Amino acid sequence: MRVPDEQLRPMNPDKRREIFSRMQAANPQPTTELEYKSDFQLLIAVLLSAQTTDKAVNLATRKFFAKHGTPKGLFDLGEAKLADYIKTIGLYKTKAKNVIATCQILLEQHKGKVPQTREALEALPGVGRKTANVVLNTAFGQPTIAVDTHIFRVSNRTKIAPGKDVVAVEKGLEKFVPDEFKLNVHHWLILHGRYICVARTPKCPQCGIADLCEYRSKTKP
């Protein structure tokens, strides 16, 4: 995911604030579409969601979270049986291995609790910066911003926070998003990219911020 230099000029701050104000008015309390009932289940769901849709992850986790949805429960279940539960999602063998290893570390080093620091989260197998940001934001209320393909696309199309790669976009959002919107901006942008500002043919006629967006090739009614 890369963007030409000439497209990296961010938009006017007042316009950006109005975009987030509208998103807040439309969805005051956004959250992830992943299904979970504990910080641990959220961590596992996000770990499983890499290169897979939230819908696919939910279909898989419904099969085992109720009975095995704790660090000890999944660790006791084991890698082979977990892999069988999640074989419908991408990279399931690697993810099963990482999940069981993560459970072991949580049990041995964190008393079965999900750590609340980026360093400790990223030390878990299969947990990278994006996964850590989602957990810190959604589970612990920290204003972190996880940049996935949807947020990268929306940030560059609209010019809210253009960047050549996901790290640049994350830093741009941290710099440009007003503090009062930072806790929820991850969810607003991912939902906007998932349902309105879609990859191939964005639904500009249905977009609540189309008059503020600086995307040149808007879809006509």
Protein backbone atom coordinates (compact mmCIF):
# COMPACT_ATOMS: atom_id res chain seq x y z
CA MET A 1 0.00 0.00 0.00
CA ARG A 2 1.79 3.09 -1.23
CA VAL A 3 0.68 6.58 -2.23
CA PRO A 4 2.32 9.02 -4.71
CA ASP A 5 4.07 12.02 -3.14
CA GLU A 6 1.74 14.53 -4.80
CA GLN A 7 -1.24 13.02 -2.99
CA LEU A 8 0.17 13.39 0.51
CA ARG A 9 -1.07 16.91 1.33
CA PRO A 10 -3.42 16.70 4.36
CA MET A 11 -6.72 18.56 4.42
CA ASN A 12 -7.69 21.73 6.24
CA PRO A 13 -8.00 21.19 10.03
CA ASP A 14 -11.49 22.71 10.21
CA LYS A 15 -12.72 20.38 7.49
CA ARG A 16 -11.16 17.42 9.28
CA ARG A 17 -12.86 18.37 12.56
CA GLU A 18 -16.22 18.62 10.80
CA ILE A 19 -15.74 15.12 9.37
CA PHE A 20 -15.19 13.64 12.80
CA SER A 21 -18.04 15.66 14.27
CA ARG A 22 -20.40 14.15 11.72
CA MET A 23 -19.08 10.65 12.35
CA GLN A 24 -19.56 11.16 16.07
CA ALA A 25 -23.12 12.39 15.58
CA ALA A 26 -23.95 9.40 13.38
CA ASN A 27 -22.29 6.82 15.66
CA PRO A 28 -21.53 8.16 19.17
CA GLN A 29 -20.25 4.87 20.62
CA PRO A 30 -18.61 2.82 17.86
CA THR A 31 -16.93 -0.47 18.60
CA THR A 32 -15.46 -3.50 16.91
CA GLU A 33 -17.69 -5.96 15.05
CA LEU A 34 -15.75 -8.86 16.53
CA GLU A 35 -17.74 -10.82 19.11
CA TYR A 36 -16.17 -11.28 22.56
CA LYS A 37 -17.05 -11.34 26.26
CA SER A 38 -13.66 -10.66 27.86
CA ASP A 39 -10.38 -8.88 27.19
CA PHE A 40 -8.84 -12.26 26.48
CA GLN A 41 -11.48 -13.21 23.93
CA LEU A 42 -11.00 -9.85 22.21
CA LEU A 43 -7.24 -10.46 22.00
CA ILE A 44 -7.78 -13.89 20.46
CA ALA A 45 -10.42 -12.64 18.02
CA VAL A 46 -8.16 -9.81 16.82
CA LEU A 47 -5.23 -12.20 16.51
CA LEU A 48 -7.38 -14.51 14.37
CA SER A 49 -8.69 -11.63 12.23
CA ALA A 50 -5.45 -11.00 10.33
CA GLN A 51 -6.12 -11.35 6.58
CA THR A 52 -9.63 -12.57 7.42
CA THR A 53 -13.01 -10.86 7.81
CA ASP A 54 -14.58 -10.20 11.19
CA LYS A 55 -17.61 -12.19 10.03
CA ALA A 56 -15.46 -15.27 9.39
CA VAL A 57 -13.76 -14.93 12.77
CA ASN A 58 -17.11 -14.62 14.57
CA LEU A 59 -18.41 -17.76 12.88
CA ALA A 60 -15.33 -19.63 14.09
CA THR A 61 -15.13 -18.29 17.65
CA ARG A 62 -18.81 -19.01 18.30
CA LYS A 63 -17.87 -22.68 18.15
CA PHE A 64 -15.41 -22.60 21.06
CA PHE A 65 -15.49 -19.33 23.05
CA ALA A 66 -18.45 -20.38 25.21
CA LYS A 67 -16.73 -23.55 26.45
CA HIS A 68 -13.03 -22.78 25.98
CA GLY A 69 -12.89 -18.96 26.06
CA THR A 70 -10.22 -18.51 28.74
CA PRO A 71 -6.43 -18.81 28.59
CA LYS A 72 -6.51 -22.13 30.44
CA GLY A 73 -9.52 -23.35 28.49
CA LEU A 74 -7.86 -22.78 25.12
CA PHE A 75 -4.48 -24.03 26.31
CA ASP A 76 -6.09 -27.25 27.53
CA LEU A 77 -8.00 -27.55 24.25
CA GLY A 78 -4.68 -27.70 22.42
CA GLU A 79 -3.34 -26.65 19.05
CA ALA A 80 -4.79 -29.49 16.97
CA LYS A 81 -8.35 -29.15 18.25
CA LEU A 82 -8.25 -25.36 18.00
CA ALA A 83 -7.00 -25.64 14.43
CA ASP A 84 -10.01 -27.79 13.62
CA TYR A 85 -12.34 -25.10 15.01
CA ILE A 86 -10.72 -22.31 12.98
CA LYS A 87 -9.88 -24.13 9.74
CA THR A 88 -12.40 -21.97 7.87
CA ILE A 89 -10.23 -18.85 8.28
CA GLY A 90 -6.95 -17.96 6.63
CA LEU A 91 -3.60 -19.14 8.00
CA TYR A 92 -5.42 -21.25 10.57
CA LYS A 93 -2.52 -23.57 11.41
CA THR A 94 -0.15 -20.71 12.19
CA LYS A 95 -2.85 -18.86 14.10
CA ALA A 96 -3.69 -21.94 16.19
CA LYS A 97 -0.02 -22.32 17.09
CA ASN A 98 0.25 -18.64 18.05
CA VAL A 99 -2.95 -18.69 20.10
CA ILE A 100 -1.87 -21.67 22.19
CA ALA A 101 1.60 -20.16 22.71
CA THR A 102 -0.03 -16.88 23.72
CA CYS A 103 -2.22 -18.68 26.23
CA GLN A 104 0.83 -20.33 27.77
CA ILE A 105 2.62 -16.99 28.15
CA LEU A 106 -0.47 -15.35 29.66
CA LEU A 107 -0.77 -18.17 32.20
CA GLU A 108 2.92 -18.31 33.07
CA GLN A 109 3.86 -14.63 32.97
CA HIS A 110 0.66 -12.60 33.42
CA LYS A 111 -1.50 -14.70 35.77
CA GLY A 112 -3.94 -15.33 32.93
CA LYS A 113 -4.57 -11.62 32.38
CA VAL A 114 -4.16 -9.65 29.15
CA PRO A 115 -1.33 -7.12 29.63
CA GLN A 116 -2.14 -3.45 29.20
CA THR A 117 1.12 -2.25 27.64
CA ARG A 118 2.14 -2.30 24.00
CA GLU A 119 5.49 -3.90 24.79
CA ALA A 120 3.94 -6.84 26.63
CA LEU A 121 1.24 -7.33 24.01
CA GLU A 122 3.70 -7.28 21.11
CA ALA A 123 5.79 -9.89 22.93
CA LEU A 124 2.93 -12.37 22.47
CA PRO A 125 3.17 -14.71 19.45
CA GLY A 126 1.29 -13.38 16.44
CA VAL A 127 0.58 -10.00 18.03
CA GLY A 128 1.92 -7.06 16.03
CA ARG A 129 1.45 -3.32 16.32
CA LYS A 130 -2.03 -3.30 14.76
CA THR A 131 -3.37 -6.05 17.02
CA ALA A 132 -1.86 -4.39 20.08
CA ASN A 133 -3.44 -1.06 19.14
CA VAL A 134 -6.89 -2.63 18.76
CA VAL A 135 -6.67 -4.33 22.15
CA LEU A 136 -5.32 -1.24 23.92
CA ASN A 137 -8.09 0.87 22.40
CA THR A 138 -11.10 -1.44 22.63
CA ALA A 139 -10.33 -3.34 25.83
CA PHE A 140 -8.52 -0.69 27.84
CA GLY A 141 -9.79 2.62 26.47
CA GLN A 142 -6.44 3.94 25.29
CA PRO A 143 -6.54 6.38 22.32
CA THR A 144 -4.45 4.15 20.06
CA ILE A 145 -5.15 3.96 16.32
CA ALA A 146 -4.75 0.67 14.47
CA VAL A 147 -4.35 1.21 10.72
CA ASP A 148 -5.66 -1.60 8.55
CA THR A 149 -6.36 -1.58 4.80
CA HIS A 150 -9.70 0.22 5.28
CA ILE A 151 -8.27 3.02 7.44
CA PHE A 152 -5.28 3.37 5.12
CA ARG A 153 -7.62 3.78 2.13
CA VAL A 154 -10.00 6.22 3.80
CA SER A 155 -7.21 8.34 5.28
CA ASN A 156 -5.56 8.72 1.88
CA ARG A 157 -8.71 9.15 -0.22
CA THR A 158 -10.24 11.80 1.99
CA LYS A 159 -6.86 13.41 2.79
CA ILE A 160 -7.65 13.21 6.51
CA ALA A 161 -4.16 11.82 7.14
CA PRO A 162 -2.44 10.72 3.92
CA GLY A 163 0.67 8.60 4.13
CA LYS A 164 2.83 6.28 2.04
CA ASP A 165 2.47 3.35 4.43
CA VAL A 166 0.44 2.30 7.46
CA VAL A 167 2.94 3.67 9.98
CA ALA A 168 2.90 7.09 8.28
CA VAL A 169 -0.91 7.10 8.31
CA GLU A 170 -0.97 6.11 11.98
CA LYS A 171 1.41 8.94 12.87
CA GLY A 172 -0.63 11.34 10.74
CA LEU A 173 -3.85 10.41 12.51
CA GLU A 174 -2.15 10.77 15.90
CA LYS A 175 -1.01 14.25 14.84
CA PHE A 176 -4.10 15.53 13.04
CA VAL A 177 -7.08 14.00 14.89
CA PRO A 178 -8.32 16.29 17.70
CA ASP A 179 -7.98 14.70 21.13
CA GLU A 180 -11.72 14.42 21.74
CA PHE A 181 -12.07 12.10 18.73
CA LYS A 182 -8.98 9.90 19.14
CA LEU A 183 -10.59 7.16 21.22
CA ASN A 184 -13.21 6.40 18.55
CA VAL A 185 -11.56 7.40 15.28
CA HIS A 186 -10.24 3.88 14.63
CA HIS A 187 -13.75 2.44 14.67
CA TRP A 188 -15.32 5.27 12.66
CA LEU A 189 -12.77 4.98 9.88
CA ILE A 190 -12.76 1.20 9.67
CA LEU A 191 -16.56 1.08 9.49
CA HIS A 192 -16.59 3.88 6.92
CA GLY A 193 -14.09 1.98 4.79
CA ARG A 194 -15.88 -1.33 5.24
CA TYR A 195 -19.35 -0.12 4.26
CA ILE A 196 -19.13 3.23 2.43
CA CYS A 197 -15.64 4.07 1.18
CA VAL A 198 -15.15 0.58 -0.22
CA ALA A 199 -12.14 -0.34 -2.33
CA ARG A 200 -13.44 -0.70 -5.88
CA THR A 201 -16.45 1.61 -6.15
CA PRO A 202 -16.89 3.89 -3.15
CA LYS A 203 -20.49 4.68 -2.29
CA CYS A 204 -20.05 8.45 -2.52
CA PRO A 205 -23.77 9.23 -3.08
CA GLN A 206 -24.50 7.56 0.29
CA CYS A 207 -21.56 9.16 2.12
CA GLY A 208 -22.24 11.61 4.91
CA ILE A 209 -18.91 13.39 4.41
CA ALA A 210 -18.80 13.47 0.59
CA ASP A 211 -18.91 17.28 0.50
CA LEU A 212 -15.83 17.43 2.74
CA CYS A 213 -13.85 14.55 1.24
CA GLU A 214 -11.06 15.51 -1.18
CA TYR A 215 -11.16 12.30 -3.23
CA ARG A 216 -11.03 13.40 -6.87
CA SER A 217 -12.69 10.39 -8.48
CA LYS A 218 -15.96 10.38 -6.55
CA THR A 219 -18.63 7.93 -7.65
CA LYS A 220 -21.43 9.81 -9.39
CA PRO A 221 -25.11 9.27 -8.46
